[in-house]
Amino acid sequence: MEVAKRAYERVMEWIAATSSVQVQTNSFFIDRGTTWEPPPQGWLKCNFDSSFHSDSEHSGLGWIVRWDHKGAYIDSDFAHIEGIHSSLQAEASAFLQALQMVWVKGWRNVWFEGDCLPLVNIVNMKKENIELASLLEDVRYWMSKLPNCSLGFINRERNSAADKIAKYAY
């Protein structure tokens, strides 16, 4: 029931974020929330983000791994990379770095979250994207090495820890 409730809340959050219509369900308004939510029992949660500025071709990437209902910290890291041409490419690079780090650490049940809805849709709907090309191929390869992983979208407020790490890396 808890997982179903979270899934419902995520769908309603997505509708609210992508629609100009205010969402109302069962006479109460959906709270988009600003606090991090824990993963399901037995899973880790990895939030990732990037810091990209269009006037430069580099980006800061950051990710943080937590678990349990209190969000106990496990690990985090960052990277500064060159040759980035868009915010979408930066977000995909952050996700790829997080995937690789999680695999190297031996963690297998991981719920990834990022605040870039276009990336989440491209990955989850198995879409092709010329801008991401080989980067997307790498993301899919590393996801296949983690068969118990998922990628979800969260709003920027709930991704603030990863955002701060990415800004530091930039």
N, C-alpha and C. Protein backbone atom coordinates (compact mmCIF):
# COMPACT_ATOMS: atom_id res chain seq x y z
N MET A 1 0.82 -1.20 0.00
CA MET A 1 0.00 0.00 0.00
C MET A 1 0.86 1.26 0.00
N GLU A 2 1.98 1.20 0.75
CA GLU A 2 2.86 2.37 0.82
C GLU A 2 3.45 2.69 -0.56
N VAL A 3 3.87 1.67 -1.28
CA VAL A 3 4.44 1.88 -2.62
C VAL A 3 3.37 2.41 -3.57
N ALA A 4 2.16 1.87 -3.48
CA ALA A 4 1.07 2.34 -4.33
C ALA A 4 0.72 3.79 -4.01
N LYS A 5 0.72 4.13 -2.74
CA LYS A 5 0.44 5.52 -2.34
C LYS A 5 1.50 6.46 -2.90
N ARG A 6 2.76 6.07 -2.80
CA ARG A 6 3.84 6.92 -3.34
C ARG A 6 3.72 7.05 -4.85
N ALA A 7 3.40 5.96 -5.51
CA ALA A 7 3.25 6.01 -6.97
C ALA A 7 2.13 6.97 -7.35
N TYR A 8 1.02 6.90 -6.64
CA TYR A 8 -0.11 7.80 -6.89
C TYR A 8 0.32 9.25 -6.67
N GLU A 9 1.04 9.50 -5.57
CA GLU A 9 1.49 10.86 -5.28
C GLU A 9 2.44 11.36 -6.36
N ARG A 10 3.31 10.49 -6.86
CA ARG A 10 4.25 10.88 -7.92
C ARG A 10 3.51 11.25 -9.21
N VAL A 11 2.50 10.46 -9.55
CA VAL A 11 1.72 10.75 -10.76
C VAL A 11 1.01 12.08 -10.60
N MET A 12 0.41 12.30 -9.46
CA MET A 12 -0.30 13.56 -9.23
C MET A 12 0.68 14.74 -9.22
N GLU A 13 1.88 14.53 -8.68
CA GLU A 13 2.89 15.58 -8.68
C GLU A 13 3.31 15.90 -10.11
N TRP A 14 3.48 14.86 -10.92
CA TRP A 14 3.88 15.06 -12.31
C TRP A 14 2.79 15.83 -13.06
N ILE A 15 1.54 15.46 -12.85
CA ILE A 15 0.43 16.15 -13.50
C ILE A 15 0.42 17.62 -13.08
N ALA A 16 0.61 17.86 -11.79
CA ALA A 16 0.61 19.24 -11.30
C ALA A 16 1.78 20.04 -11.86
N ALA A 17 2.93 19.38 -12.03
CA ALA A 17 4.12 20.07 -12.53
C ALA A 17 4.04 20.37 -14.02
N THR A 18 3.32 19.56 -14.76
CA THR A 18 3.28 19.72 -16.22
C THR A 18 1.98 20.30 -16.73
N SER A 19 1.11 20.68 -15.83
CA SER A 19 -0.20 21.18 -16.24
C SER A 19 -0.43 22.55 -15.62
N SER A 20 -1.17 23.37 -16.33
CA SER A 20 -1.54 24.67 -15.77
C SER A 20 -2.80 24.56 -14.91
N VAL A 21 -3.40 23.39 -14.89
CA VAL A 21 -4.60 23.15 -14.11
C VAL A 21 -4.20 22.68 -12.72
N GLN A 22 -4.81 23.25 -11.69
CA GLN A 22 -4.51 22.83 -10.33
C GLN A 22 -5.19 21.48 -10.08
N VAL A 23 -4.43 20.53 -9.55
CA VAL A 23 -4.94 19.18 -9.34
C VAL A 23 -5.63 19.10 -8.00
N GLN A 24 -6.84 18.55 -8.00
CA GLN A 24 -7.57 18.36 -6.76
C GLN A 24 -8.10 16.94 -6.76
N THR A 25 -7.90 16.23 -5.65
CA THR A 25 -8.33 14.85 -5.55
C THR A 25 -8.99 14.64 -4.19
N ASN A 26 -10.15 14.03 -4.20
CA ASN A 26 -10.86 13.73 -2.96
C ASN A 26 -10.94 14.93 -2.02
N SER A 27 -11.20 16.08 -2.57
CA SER A 27 -11.39 17.32 -1.82
C SER A 27 -10.16 17.83 -1.08
N PHE A 28 -8.97 17.38 -1.46
CA PHE A 28 -7.77 17.97 -0.89
C PHE A 28 -6.76 18.20 -2.02
N PHE A 29 -5.94 19.21 -1.83
CA PHE A 29 -4.95 19.54 -2.85
C PHE A 29 -3.68 18.74 -2.60
N ILE A 30 -3.08 18.27 -3.69
CA ILE A 30 -1.83 17.52 -3.61
C ILE A 30 -0.70 18.45 -3.21
N ASP A 31 0.01 18.08 -2.18
CA ASP A 31 1.17 18.86 -1.73
C ASP A 31 2.37 18.38 -2.52
N ARG A 32 2.96 19.27 -3.33
CA ARG A 32 4.12 18.89 -4.11
C ARG A 32 5.33 18.65 -3.21
N GLY A 33 5.30 19.17 -2.00
CA GLY A 33 6.32 18.89 -1.01
C GLY A 33 7.69 19.46 -1.32
N THR A 34 8.45 19.59 -0.27
CA THR A 34 9.81 20.11 -0.42
C THR A 34 10.81 19.24 0.31
N THR A 35 10.37 18.17 0.93
CA THR A 35 11.30 17.35 1.69
C THR A 35 11.56 16.02 0.99
N TRP A 36 12.74 15.53 1.20
CA TRP A 36 13.17 14.26 0.64
C TRP A 36 12.31 13.14 1.22
N GLU A 37 12.00 12.15 0.40
CA GLU A 37 11.22 11.00 0.85
C GLU A 37 12.08 9.76 0.81
N PRO A 38 11.95 8.88 1.80
CA PRO A 38 12.79 7.68 1.84
C PRO A 38 12.38 6.66 0.78
N PRO A 39 13.30 5.76 0.45
CA PRO A 39 12.98 4.70 -0.52
C PRO A 39 12.16 3.59 0.15
N PRO A 40 11.60 2.69 -0.65
CA PRO A 40 10.92 1.54 -0.06
C PRO A 40 11.92 0.69 0.74
N GLN A 41 11.42 -0.07 1.67
CA GLN A 41 12.27 -0.91 2.51
C GLN A 41 13.10 -1.86 1.64
N GLY A 42 14.38 -1.97 1.95
CA GLY A 42 15.28 -2.84 1.20
C GLY A 42 15.95 -2.17 0.01
N TRP A 43 15.65 -0.90 -0.21
CA TRP A 43 16.22 -0.16 -1.33
C TRP A 43 17.04 1.01 -0.81
N LEU A 44 17.98 1.45 -1.65
CA LEU A 44 18.70 2.70 -1.41
C LEU A 44 18.12 3.74 -2.35
N LYS A 45 18.29 5.00 -2.01
CA LYS A 45 17.86 6.06 -2.91
C LYS A 45 19.08 6.90 -3.27
N CYS A 46 19.24 7.12 -4.57
CA CYS A 46 20.34 7.94 -5.06
C CYS A 46 19.76 9.14 -5.81
N ASN A 47 19.95 10.32 -5.25
CA ASN A 47 19.55 11.55 -5.93
C ASN A 47 20.75 12.10 -6.67
N PHE A 48 20.52 12.57 -7.89
CA PHE A 48 21.61 13.13 -8.69
C PHE A 48 21.16 14.45 -9.31
N ASP A 49 22.14 15.28 -9.66
CA ASP A 49 21.83 16.56 -10.30
C ASP A 49 23.08 17.07 -10.99
N SER A 50 22.89 18.10 -11.80
CA SER A 50 24.02 18.74 -12.48
C SER A 50 23.91 20.24 -12.33
N SER A 51 25.02 20.90 -12.54
CA SER A 51 25.06 22.35 -12.56
C SER A 51 25.68 22.74 -13.90
N PHE A 52 24.87 23.32 -14.76
CA PHE A 52 25.30 23.66 -16.11
C PHE A 52 25.03 25.13 -16.37
N HIS A 53 25.96 25.78 -17.03
CA HIS A 53 25.79 27.18 -17.43
C HIS A 53 26.06 27.26 -18.92
N SER A 54 25.16 27.86 -19.66
CA SER A 54 25.25 27.88 -21.12
C SER A 54 26.46 28.65 -21.64
N ASP A 55 27.06 29.49 -20.82
CA ASP A 55 28.22 30.26 -21.28
C ASP A 55 29.54 29.50 -21.14
N SER A 56 29.49 28.25 -20.68
CA SER A 56 30.70 27.44 -20.59
C SER A 56 30.39 26.02 -21.03
N GLU A 57 31.41 25.26 -21.35
CA GLU A 57 31.20 23.88 -21.79
C GLU A 57 31.67 22.89 -20.74
N HIS A 58 31.46 23.24 -19.50
CA HIS A 58 31.74 22.27 -18.44
C HIS A 58 30.56 22.27 -17.48
N SER A 59 30.56 21.26 -16.63
CA SER A 59 29.43 21.09 -15.73
C SER A 59 29.89 20.44 -14.43
N GLY A 60 29.16 20.73 -13.38
CA GLY A 60 29.36 20.05 -12.11
C GLY A 60 28.29 18.99 -11.96
N LEU A 61 28.68 17.82 -11.51
CA LEU A 61 27.75 16.71 -11.30
C LEU A 61 27.80 16.32 -9.83
N GLY A 62 26.67 15.96 -9.28
CA GLY A 62 26.64 15.54 -7.89
C GLY A 62 25.61 14.47 -7.65
N TRP A 63 25.88 13.61 -6.68
CA TRP A 63 24.93 12.58 -6.30
C TRP A 63 25.11 12.24 -4.83
N ILE A 64 24.03 11.76 -4.24
CA ILE A 64 24.02 11.39 -2.82
C ILE A 64 23.17 10.14 -2.66
N VAL A 65 23.65 9.19 -1.84
CA VAL A 65 22.94 7.93 -1.60
C VAL A 65 22.53 7.90 -0.14
N ARG A 66 21.24 7.59 0.08
CA ARG A 66 20.69 7.50 1.44
C ARG A 66 19.76 6.30 1.53
N TRP A 67 19.39 5.95 2.75
CA TRP A 67 18.46 4.86 2.97
C TRP A 67 17.66 5.11 4.24
N ASP A 68 16.72 4.31 4.51
CA ASP A 68 15.79 4.25 5.64
C ASP A 68 14.86 5.46 5.73
N HIS A 69 13.94 5.40 6.66
CA HIS A 69 12.88 6.41 6.76
C HIS A 69 13.41 7.77 7.23
N LYS A 70 14.62 7.81 7.77
CA LYS A 70 15.19 9.08 8.22
C LYS A 70 16.17 9.68 7.20
N GLY A 71 16.41 8.97 6.13
CA GLY A 71 17.33 9.47 5.11
C GLY A 71 18.78 9.37 5.53
N ALA A 72 19.12 8.31 6.25
CA ALA A 72 20.50 8.13 6.72
C ALA A 72 21.48 8.18 5.55
N TYR A 73 22.51 8.99 5.71
CA TYR A 73 23.52 9.20 4.69
C TYR A 73 24.41 7.96 4.54
N ILE A 74 24.67 7.58 3.28
CA ILE A 74 25.60 6.48 3.02
C ILE A 74 26.83 6.98 2.30
N ASP A 75 26.64 7.71 1.21
CA ASP A 75 27.77 8.14 0.40
C ASP A 75 27.33 9.28 -0.51
N SER A 76 28.31 10.04 -0.98
CA SER A 76 28.04 11.08 -1.98
C SER A 76 29.35 11.35 -2.71
N ASP A 77 29.24 11.98 -3.85
CA ASP A 77 30.43 12.31 -4.62
C ASP A 77 30.06 13.36 -5.66
N PHE A 78 31.07 13.84 -6.34
CA PHE A 78 30.85 14.85 -7.37
C PHE A 78 31.91 14.71 -8.43
N ALA A 79 31.68 15.37 -9.55
CA ALA A 79 32.64 15.40 -10.65
C ALA A 79 32.52 16.72 -11.39
N HIS A 80 33.60 17.13 -11.98
CA HIS A 80 33.63 18.33 -12.83
C HIS A 80 34.06 17.82 -14.20
N ILE A 81 33.19 17.98 -15.21
CA ILE A 81 33.52 17.44 -16.53
C ILE A 81 33.44 18.51 -17.60
N GLU A 82 34.22 18.30 -18.64
CA GLU A 82 34.29 19.23 -19.77
C GLU A 82 33.49 18.67 -20.95
N GLY A 83 33.24 19.51 -21.93
CA GLY A 83 32.59 19.08 -23.17
C GLY A 83 31.09 18.93 -23.07
N ILE A 84 30.47 19.60 -22.13
CA ILE A 84 29.02 19.54 -21.95
C ILE A 84 28.40 20.72 -22.71
N HIS A 85 27.38 20.44 -23.52
CA HIS A 85 26.80 21.47 -24.37
C HIS A 85 25.36 21.84 -24.02
N SER A 86 24.74 21.10 -23.09
CA SER A 86 23.35 21.42 -22.72
C SER A 86 23.05 20.91 -21.32
N SER A 87 21.98 21.44 -20.74
CA SER A 87 21.59 20.98 -19.41
C SER A 87 21.12 19.52 -19.46
N LEU A 88 20.48 19.11 -20.55
CA LEU A 88 20.05 17.72 -20.69
C LEU A 88 21.25 16.79 -20.71
N GLN A 89 22.27 17.16 -21.45
CA GLN A 89 23.49 16.35 -21.50
C GLN A 89 24.16 16.30 -20.13
N ALA A 90 24.14 17.41 -19.40
CA ALA A 90 24.71 17.44 -18.06
C ALA A 90 23.95 16.52 -17.11
N GLU A 91 22.63 16.55 -17.18
CA GLU A 91 21.82 15.68 -16.32
C GLU A 91 22.06 14.21 -16.64
N ALA A 92 22.14 13.87 -17.93
CA ALA A 92 22.41 12.49 -18.33
C ALA A 92 23.79 12.05 -17.84
N SER A 93 24.76 12.95 -17.89
CA SER A 93 26.11 12.65 -17.40
C SER A 93 26.10 12.40 -15.90
N ALA A 94 25.33 13.20 -15.17
CA ALA A 94 25.22 13.00 -13.71
C ALA A 94 24.59 11.65 -13.40
N PHE A 95 23.55 11.29 -14.15
CA PHE A 95 22.90 10.00 -13.94
C PHE A 95 23.88 8.86 -14.25
N LEU A 96 24.61 8.97 -15.34
CA LEU A 96 25.58 7.94 -15.71
C LEU A 96 26.65 7.79 -14.63
N GLN A 97 27.18 8.89 -14.13
CA GLN A 97 28.20 8.83 -13.07
C GLN A 97 27.63 8.17 -11.81
N ALA A 98 26.38 8.50 -11.47
CA ALA A 98 25.75 7.91 -10.29
C ALA A 98 25.54 6.40 -10.49
N LEU A 99 25.09 6.00 -11.68
CA LEU A 99 24.92 4.58 -11.98
C LEU A 99 26.23 3.81 -11.80
N GLN A 100 27.30 4.36 -12.36
CA GLN A 100 28.59 3.69 -12.28
C GLN A 100 29.09 3.60 -10.84
N MET A 101 28.91 4.68 -10.08
CA MET A 101 29.36 4.68 -8.70
C MET A 101 28.59 3.63 -7.88
N VAL A 102 27.30 3.56 -8.07
CA VAL A 102 26.47 2.60 -7.35
C VAL A 102 26.91 1.17 -7.69
N TRP A 103 27.17 0.89 -8.96
CA TRP A 103 27.58 -0.44 -9.37
C TRP A 103 28.93 -0.80 -8.76
N VAL A 104 29.88 0.13 -8.79
CA VAL A 104 31.21 -0.12 -8.23
C VAL A 104 31.11 -0.43 -6.73
N LYS A 105 30.22 0.24 -6.03
CA LYS A 105 30.06 0.03 -4.59
C LYS A 105 29.35 -1.29 -4.27
N GLY A 106 28.76 -1.93 -5.28
CA GLY A 106 28.10 -3.21 -5.06
C GLY A 106 26.64 -3.11 -4.66
N TRP A 107 26.06 -1.93 -4.75
CA TRP A 107 24.66 -1.76 -4.40
C TRP A 107 23.80 -2.13 -5.59
N ARG A 108 22.72 -2.87 -5.38
CA ARG A 108 21.93 -3.36 -6.51
C ARG A 108 20.47 -2.93 -6.49
N ASN A 109 19.88 -2.69 -5.36
CA ASN A 109 18.48 -2.23 -5.28
C ASN A 109 18.50 -0.72 -5.05
N VAL A 110 18.48 0.02 -6.15
CA VAL A 110 18.65 1.47 -6.04
C VAL A 110 17.56 2.21 -6.80
N TRP A 111 16.96 3.16 -6.12
CA TRP A 111 15.94 4.02 -6.69
C TRP A 111 16.62 5.35 -6.98
N PHE A 112 16.83 5.66 -8.24
CA PHE A 112 17.46 6.91 -8.65
C PHE A 112 16.39 7.97 -8.82
N GLU A 113 16.72 9.19 -8.44
CA GLU A 113 15.81 10.32 -8.64
C GLU A 113 16.58 11.51 -9.16
N GLY A 114 15.98 12.18 -10.15
CA GLY A 114 16.54 13.40 -10.69
C GLY A 114 15.43 14.39 -10.98
N ASP A 115 15.80 15.65 -11.16
CA ASP A 115 14.79 16.68 -11.37
C ASP A 115 14.69 17.14 -12.83
N CYS A 116 15.14 16.30 -13.75
CA CYS A 116 15.05 16.62 -15.18
C CYS A 116 14.03 15.68 -15.83
N LEU A 117 12.79 16.15 -15.93
CA LEU A 117 11.72 15.32 -16.46
C LEU A 117 11.99 14.83 -17.89
N PRO A 118 12.55 15.66 -18.78
CA PRO A 118 12.84 15.13 -20.12
C PRO A 118 13.78 13.92 -20.09
N LEU A 119 14.81 13.94 -19.25
CA LEU A 119 15.72 12.80 -19.15
C LEU A 119 14.99 11.58 -18.62
N VAL A 120 14.21 11.76 -17.57
CA VAL A 120 13.47 10.64 -16.98
C VAL A 120 12.56 10.01 -18.04
N ASN A 121 11.88 10.84 -18.81
CA ASN A 121 10.99 10.31 -19.86
C ASN A 121 11.76 9.59 -20.96
N ILE A 122 12.88 10.15 -21.39
CA ILE A 122 13.69 9.52 -22.44
C ILE A 122 14.16 8.14 -21.98
N VAL A 123 14.67 8.07 -20.77
CA VAL A 123 15.19 6.80 -20.25
C VAL A 123 14.06 5.80 -20.01
N ASN A 124 13.02 6.20 -19.31
CA ASN A 124 11.95 5.26 -18.95
C ASN A 124 11.11 4.81 -20.13
N MET A 125 10.95 5.68 -21.12
CA MET A 125 10.14 5.32 -22.29
C MET A 125 11.00 4.75 -23.42
N LYS A 126 12.31 4.57 -23.11
CA LYS A 126 13.25 4.00 -24.09
C LYS A 126 13.23 4.76 -25.42
N LYS A 127 13.17 6.08 -25.31
CA LYS A 127 13.19 6.93 -26.49
C LYS A 127 14.62 7.13 -26.97
N GLU A 128 14.77 7.48 -28.22
CA GLU A 128 16.08 7.85 -28.75
C GLU A 128 16.18 9.37 -28.70
N ASN A 129 17.42 9.86 -28.62
CA ASN A 129 17.65 11.30 -28.57
C ASN A 129 19.00 11.59 -29.20
N ILE A 130 19.01 12.33 -30.28
CA ILE A 130 20.25 12.61 -31.00
C ILE A 130 21.25 13.35 -30.12
N GLU A 131 20.76 14.28 -29.32
CA GLU A 131 21.64 15.07 -28.46
C GLU A 131 22.40 14.19 -27.46
N LEU A 132 21.75 13.12 -26.99
CA LEU A 132 22.37 12.26 -25.98
C LEU A 132 23.10 11.05 -26.58
N ALA A 133 22.69 10.63 -27.76
CA ALA A 133 23.30 9.55 -28.54
C ALA A 133 24.07 8.52 -27.72
N SER A 134 25.41 8.55 -27.77
CA SER A 134 26.22 7.53 -27.12
C SER A 134 26.12 7.60 -25.60
N LEU A 135 25.86 8.77 -25.06
CA LEU A 135 25.68 8.91 -23.61
C LEU A 135 24.47 8.09 -23.15
N LEU A 136 23.41 8.12 -23.92
CA LEU A 136 22.21 7.35 -23.61
C LEU A 136 22.48 5.85 -23.73
N GLU A 137 23.29 5.48 -24.69
CA GLU A 137 23.69 4.07 -24.84
C GLU A 137 24.43 3.60 -23.59
N ASP A 138 25.33 4.44 -23.07
CA ASP A 138 26.06 4.11 -21.85
C ASP A 138 25.13 4.02 -20.64
N VAL A 139 24.18 4.94 -20.54
CA VAL A 139 23.21 4.91 -19.44
C VAL A 139 22.44 3.59 -19.47
N ARG A 140 21.97 3.19 -20.62
CA ARG A 140 21.19 1.95 -20.73
C ARG A 140 22.05 0.73 -20.43
N TYR A 141 23.31 0.75 -20.83
CA TYR A 141 24.21 -0.36 -20.52
C TYR A 141 24.35 -0.52 -19.01
N TRP A 142 24.63 0.60 -18.31
CA TRP A 142 24.83 0.52 -16.87
C TRP A 142 23.54 0.19 -16.13
N MET A 143 22.41 0.64 -16.65
CA MET A 143 21.13 0.26 -16.03
C MET A 143 20.90 -1.24 -16.17
N SER A 144 21.33 -1.83 -17.28
CA SER A 144 21.15 -3.27 -17.47
C SER A 144 22.00 -4.07 -16.47
N LYS A 145 23.08 -3.48 -15.99
CA LYS A 145 23.91 -4.13 -14.98
C LYS A 145 23.29 -4.03 -13.59
N LEU A 146 22.27 -3.19 -13.46
CA LEU A 146 21.53 -3.03 -12.19
C LEU A 146 20.06 -3.34 -12.45
N PRO A 147 19.71 -4.62 -12.59
CA PRO A 147 18.33 -4.95 -12.96
C PRO A 147 17.29 -4.52 -11.93
N ASN A 148 17.71 -4.25 -10.70
CA ASN A 148 16.77 -3.78 -9.67
C ASN A 148 16.98 -2.30 -9.41
N CYS A 149 16.90 -1.50 -10.47
CA CYS A 149 16.99 -0.06 -10.28
C CYS A 149 15.81 0.60 -10.97
N SER A 150 15.50 1.78 -10.52
CA SER A 150 14.43 2.55 -11.14
C SER A 150 14.86 4.00 -11.21
N LEU A 151 14.22 4.74 -12.09
CA LEU A 151 14.52 6.16 -12.24
C LEU A 151 13.22 6.93 -12.13
N GLY A 152 13.18 7.86 -11.20
CA GLY A 152 11.99 8.65 -11.00
C GLY A 152 12.29 10.14 -11.04
N PHE A 153 11.24 10.91 -11.23
CA PHE A 153 11.33 12.36 -11.27
C PHE A 153 10.89 12.94 -9.94
N ILE A 154 11.62 13.95 -9.48
CA ILE A 154 11.21 14.71 -8.29
C ILE A 154 11.40 16.19 -8.59
N ASN A 155 10.70 17.02 -7.84
CA ASN A 155 10.87 18.46 -8.06
C ASN A 155 12.21 18.92 -7.48
N ARG A 156 12.61 20.10 -7.89
CA ARG A 156 13.92 20.64 -7.50
C ARG A 156 14.07 20.76 -5.98
N GLU A 157 13.01 21.12 -5.30
CA GLU A 157 13.08 21.27 -3.85
C GLU A 157 13.45 19.97 -3.15
N ARG A 158 12.95 18.86 -3.66
CA ARG A 158 13.26 17.56 -3.06
C ARG A 158 14.63 17.04 -3.48
N ASN A 159 15.26 17.71 -4.40
CA ASN A 159 16.57 17.29 -4.89
C ASN A 159 17.67 18.25 -4.45
N SER A 160 17.43 18.99 -3.39
CA SER A 160 18.34 20.07 -3.01
C SER A 160 19.72 19.57 -2.57
N ALA A 161 19.81 18.41 -1.94
CA ALA A 161 21.13 17.92 -1.51
C ALA A 161 22.02 17.64 -2.72
N ALA A 162 21.49 16.94 -3.72
CA ALA A 162 22.27 16.65 -4.93
C ALA A 162 22.58 17.94 -5.68
N ASP A 163 21.66 18.88 -5.67
CA ASP A 163 21.86 20.17 -6.34
C ASP A 163 23.04 20.92 -5.70
N LYS A 164 23.10 20.94 -4.39
CA LYS A 164 24.19 21.64 -3.71
C LYS A 164 25.55 20.98 -4.02
N ILE A 165 25.57 19.67 -4.08
CA ILE A 165 26.82 18.97 -4.40
C ILE A 165 27.25 19.30 -5.84
N ALA A 166 26.29 19.32 -6.77
CA ALA A 166 26.61 19.64 -8.17
C ALA A 166 27.11 21.07 -8.30
N LYS A 167 26.50 21.98 -7.59
CA LYS A 167 26.95 23.39 -7.64
C LYS A 167 28.36 23.54 -7.06
N TYR A 168 28.65 22.78 -6.02
CA TYR A 168 30.00 22.79 -5.45
C TYR A 168 31.00 22.28 -6.49
N ALA A 169 30.64 21.22 -7.22
CA ALA A 169 31.54 20.64 -8.22
C ALA A 169 31.77 21.59 -9.38
N TYR A 170 30.77 22.41 -9.72
CA TYR A 170 30.91 23.35 -10.82
C TYR A 170 31.98 24.38 -10.51
